[in-house]
N, C-alpha and C. Protein backbone atom coordinates (compact mmCIF):
# COMPACT_ATOMS: atom_id res chain seq x y z
N MET A 1 42.13 -115.80 -166.20
CA MET A 1 41.44 -114.54 -166.35
C MET A 1 39.92 -114.78 -166.38
N ALA A 2 39.20 -113.98 -165.61
CA ALA A 2 37.75 -114.12 -165.54
C ALA A 2 37.10 -113.88 -166.90
N ASP A 3 36.02 -114.61 -167.15
CA ASP A 3 35.31 -114.52 -168.43
C ASP A 3 33.87 -114.09 -168.17
N ILE A 4 33.49 -112.96 -168.71
CA ILE A 4 32.14 -112.43 -168.51
C ILE A 4 31.07 -113.42 -168.95
N ALA A 5 31.38 -114.25 -169.93
CA ALA A 5 30.41 -115.24 -170.42
C ALA A 5 30.14 -116.32 -169.38
N ASN A 6 31.06 -116.49 -168.42
CA ASN A 6 30.92 -117.53 -167.40
C ASN A 6 30.61 -116.95 -166.01
N ARG A 7 30.15 -115.70 -165.96
CA ARG A 7 29.86 -115.08 -164.67
C ARG A 7 28.66 -115.75 -164.02
N TYR A 8 28.69 -115.81 -162.69
CA TYR A 8 27.56 -116.38 -161.97
C TYR A 8 26.36 -115.45 -162.04
N PRO A 9 25.16 -116.00 -162.15
CA PRO A 9 23.96 -115.16 -162.28
C PRO A 9 23.66 -114.32 -161.04
N GLU A 10 24.17 -114.71 -159.89
CA GLU A 10 23.93 -113.94 -158.66
C GLU A 10 24.65 -112.60 -158.63
N ASN A 11 25.68 -112.44 -159.46
CA ASN A 11 26.40 -111.17 -159.49
C ASN A 11 25.45 -110.04 -159.85
N VAL A 12 25.52 -108.95 -159.09
CA VAL A 12 24.70 -107.78 -159.45
C VAL A 12 25.35 -107.11 -160.66
N ALA A 13 24.52 -106.43 -161.44
CA ALA A 13 25.03 -105.74 -162.63
C ALA A 13 26.05 -104.69 -162.22
N GLY A 14 27.07 -104.54 -163.02
CA GLY A 14 28.09 -103.54 -162.76
C GLY A 14 29.47 -104.01 -163.16
N LYS A 15 30.44 -103.29 -162.70
CA LYS A 15 31.83 -103.48 -163.12
C LYS A 15 32.43 -104.82 -162.69
N PHE A 16 32.29 -105.18 -161.43
CA PHE A 16 32.94 -106.40 -160.91
C PHE A 16 32.00 -107.60 -160.97
N TYR A 17 32.58 -108.77 -161.16
CA TYR A 17 31.82 -110.02 -161.17
C TYR A 17 32.76 -111.17 -160.83
N VAL A 18 32.16 -112.32 -160.49
CA VAL A 18 32.91 -113.56 -160.25
C VAL A 18 32.41 -114.58 -161.26
N ASP A 19 33.36 -115.33 -161.86
CA ASP A 19 32.94 -116.35 -162.82
C ASP A 19 33.08 -117.75 -162.24
N ASN A 20 32.82 -118.75 -163.07
CA ASN A 20 32.74 -120.13 -162.59
C ASN A 20 34.08 -120.78 -162.28
N GLN A 21 35.17 -120.02 -162.27
CA GLN A 21 36.45 -120.58 -161.87
C GLN A 21 36.68 -120.46 -160.36
N CYS A 22 35.77 -119.80 -159.66
CA CYS A 22 35.91 -119.57 -158.22
C CYS A 22 36.07 -120.90 -157.48
N ILE A 23 37.06 -120.94 -156.57
CA ILE A 23 37.32 -122.15 -155.78
C ILE A 23 36.90 -121.97 -154.32
N ASP A 24 36.16 -120.92 -154.02
CA ASP A 24 35.62 -120.69 -152.68
C ASP A 24 36.73 -120.57 -151.63
N CYS A 25 37.78 -119.81 -151.96
CA CYS A 25 38.91 -119.69 -151.04
C CYS A 25 38.67 -118.65 -149.95
N ASP A 26 37.67 -117.79 -150.11
CA ASP A 26 37.28 -116.79 -149.11
C ASP A 26 38.10 -115.51 -149.16
N LEU A 27 39.10 -115.41 -150.03
CA LEU A 27 39.94 -114.21 -150.06
C LEU A 27 39.13 -112.97 -150.37
N CYS A 28 38.26 -113.03 -151.36
CA CYS A 28 37.49 -111.82 -151.73
C CYS A 28 36.53 -111.42 -150.63
N ARG A 29 35.94 -112.38 -149.96
CA ARG A 29 35.01 -112.06 -148.88
C ARG A 29 35.74 -111.46 -147.68
N GLU A 30 36.97 -111.85 -147.47
CA GLU A 30 37.79 -111.28 -146.40
C GLU A 30 38.28 -109.89 -146.79
N THR A 31 38.65 -109.71 -148.04
CA THR A 31 39.23 -108.45 -148.52
C THR A 31 38.17 -107.38 -148.72
N ALA A 32 37.03 -107.75 -149.27
CA ALA A 32 35.96 -106.79 -149.58
C ALA A 32 34.62 -107.34 -149.08
N PRO A 33 34.45 -107.43 -147.76
CA PRO A 33 33.24 -108.05 -147.21
C PRO A 33 31.95 -107.30 -147.52
N ASN A 34 32.04 -106.04 -147.87
CA ASN A 34 30.83 -105.27 -148.21
C ASN A 34 30.35 -105.55 -149.62
N ASN A 35 31.17 -106.27 -150.41
CA ASN A 35 30.85 -106.45 -151.82
C ASN A 35 30.70 -107.90 -152.25
N PHE A 36 31.34 -108.82 -151.55
CA PHE A 36 31.30 -110.23 -151.94
C PHE A 36 30.57 -111.06 -150.88
N LYS A 37 29.77 -112.01 -151.33
CA LYS A 37 29.11 -112.96 -150.46
C LYS A 37 29.33 -114.35 -151.01
N ARG A 38 29.00 -115.35 -150.19
CA ARG A 38 29.16 -116.76 -150.58
C ARG A 38 27.81 -117.36 -150.95
N ASN A 39 27.78 -118.11 -152.03
CA ASN A 39 26.63 -118.94 -152.35
C ASN A 39 26.87 -120.26 -151.62
N ASP A 40 26.15 -120.48 -150.53
CA ASP A 40 26.39 -121.66 -149.70
C ASP A 40 26.05 -122.96 -150.40
N ASP A 41 25.04 -122.94 -151.26
CA ASP A 41 24.67 -124.17 -151.97
C ASP A 41 25.70 -124.54 -153.03
N GLY A 42 26.20 -123.54 -153.75
CA GLY A 42 27.14 -123.81 -154.84
C GLY A 42 28.60 -123.80 -154.42
N GLY A 43 28.90 -123.20 -153.26
CA GLY A 43 30.29 -123.14 -152.80
C GLY A 43 31.15 -122.21 -153.62
N TYR A 44 30.67 -120.98 -153.83
CA TYR A 44 31.45 -119.99 -154.56
C TYR A 44 31.03 -118.59 -154.10
N SER A 45 31.85 -117.62 -154.45
CA SER A 45 31.56 -116.22 -154.11
C SER A 45 30.92 -115.53 -155.30
N PHE A 46 30.25 -114.41 -155.00
CA PHE A 46 29.68 -113.57 -156.05
C PHE A 46 29.62 -112.13 -155.54
N VAL A 47 29.48 -111.20 -156.46
CA VAL A 47 29.38 -109.79 -156.09
C VAL A 47 27.92 -109.48 -155.81
N TYR A 48 27.62 -109.14 -154.56
CA TYR A 48 26.24 -108.82 -154.21
C TYR A 48 26.00 -107.32 -154.15
N LYS A 49 27.10 -106.53 -154.14
CA LYS A 49 26.98 -105.08 -154.13
C LYS A 49 28.21 -104.50 -154.82
N GLN A 50 27.98 -103.69 -155.84
CA GLN A 50 29.10 -103.03 -156.52
C GLN A 50 29.67 -101.95 -155.58
N PRO A 51 30.95 -101.61 -155.76
CA PRO A 51 31.56 -100.61 -154.88
C PRO A 51 30.79 -99.28 -154.90
N GLY A 52 30.60 -98.72 -153.72
CA GLY A 52 29.88 -97.47 -153.60
C GLY A 52 30.75 -96.33 -153.09
N SER A 53 32.04 -96.63 -152.91
CA SER A 53 32.97 -95.62 -152.41
C SER A 53 34.36 -95.93 -152.95
N PRO A 54 35.27 -94.97 -152.91
CA PRO A 54 36.65 -95.25 -153.33
C PRO A 54 37.29 -96.36 -152.51
N GLU A 55 36.95 -96.45 -151.23
CA GLU A 55 37.50 -97.51 -150.38
C GLU A 55 37.02 -98.89 -150.84
N GLU A 56 35.73 -99.01 -151.13
CA GLU A 56 35.20 -100.29 -151.62
C GLU A 56 35.78 -100.63 -152.99
N GLU A 57 35.96 -99.62 -153.83
CA GLU A 57 36.57 -99.84 -155.16
C GLU A 57 37.97 -100.41 -154.98
N ALA A 58 38.73 -99.84 -154.06
CA ALA A 58 40.10 -100.31 -153.81
C ALA A 58 40.09 -101.73 -153.25
N GLN A 59 39.14 -102.04 -152.39
CA GLN A 59 39.05 -103.40 -151.82
C GLN A 59 38.70 -104.41 -152.90
N CYS A 60 37.80 -104.05 -153.80
CA CYS A 60 37.43 -104.97 -154.89
C CYS A 60 38.62 -105.19 -155.83
N LYS A 61 39.35 -104.14 -156.12
CA LYS A 61 40.55 -104.28 -156.97
C LYS A 61 41.58 -105.18 -156.28
N GLU A 62 41.75 -104.99 -154.97
CA GLU A 62 42.69 -105.83 -154.22
C GLU A 62 42.25 -107.29 -154.25
N ALA A 63 40.95 -107.52 -154.09
CA ALA A 63 40.43 -108.89 -154.15
C ALA A 63 40.67 -109.50 -155.53
N LYS A 64 40.43 -108.71 -156.58
CA LYS A 64 40.65 -109.20 -157.94
C LYS A 64 42.12 -109.57 -158.14
N GLU A 65 43.01 -108.69 -157.71
CA GLU A 65 44.44 -108.95 -157.89
C GLU A 65 44.93 -110.12 -157.05
N GLY A 66 44.29 -110.37 -155.91
CA GLY A 66 44.72 -111.44 -155.03
C GLY A 66 44.09 -112.79 -155.32
N CYS A 67 43.05 -112.81 -156.15
CA CYS A 67 42.34 -114.05 -156.43
C CYS A 67 43.29 -115.08 -157.03
N PRO A 68 43.45 -116.25 -156.38
CA PRO A 68 44.43 -117.24 -156.84
C PRO A 68 44.10 -117.89 -158.18
N VAL A 69 42.83 -117.85 -158.58
CA VAL A 69 42.45 -118.47 -159.85
C VAL A 69 41.92 -117.45 -160.86
N GLU A 70 42.07 -116.16 -160.55
CA GLU A 70 41.65 -115.08 -161.44
C GLU A 70 40.17 -115.20 -161.83
N ALA A 71 39.32 -115.50 -160.83
CA ALA A 71 37.90 -115.66 -161.08
C ALA A 71 37.13 -114.35 -160.98
N ILE A 72 37.78 -113.28 -160.57
CA ILE A 72 37.13 -111.97 -160.44
C ILE A 72 37.46 -111.13 -161.65
N GLY A 73 36.42 -110.61 -162.28
CA GLY A 73 36.60 -109.74 -163.43
C GLY A 73 36.14 -108.33 -163.13
N ASP A 74 36.65 -107.36 -163.88
CA ASP A 74 36.22 -105.98 -163.69
C ASP A 74 35.85 -105.31 -165.00
N ASN A 75 35.47 -106.10 -165.99
CA ASN A 75 35.06 -105.53 -167.27
C ASN A 75 33.61 -105.85 -167.56
N GLY A 76 32.86 -106.10 -166.50
CA GLY A 76 31.46 -106.47 -166.66
C GLY A 76 30.61 -105.29 -167.12
N ASP A 77 29.34 -105.54 -167.23
CA ASP A 77 28.37 -104.54 -167.64
C ASP A 77 28.46 -103.33 -166.71
N GLN A 78 28.65 -102.17 -167.29
CA GLN A 78 28.77 -100.95 -166.49
C GLN A 78 27.43 -100.42 -166.03
N GLY A 79 26.33 -101.01 -166.48
CA GLY A 79 25.01 -100.48 -166.17
C GLY A 79 24.38 -101.00 -164.95
């Protein structure tokens, strides 16, 4: 389960985030390409844009549910 205390600093503020358990499997970037990007230097994904539509919200939830190491959280800062 993702831990807000271990979220990557590149994550934009908001509901979804990626923490340091990410194994760079690419699933979230494939599932929600409008919301997740890769940190090429660190080899992990992060949320660069919070969902702006119901479709993006659904894609982020699907990415969270599909994450093999549960590195995506959805209880982050709502602001």
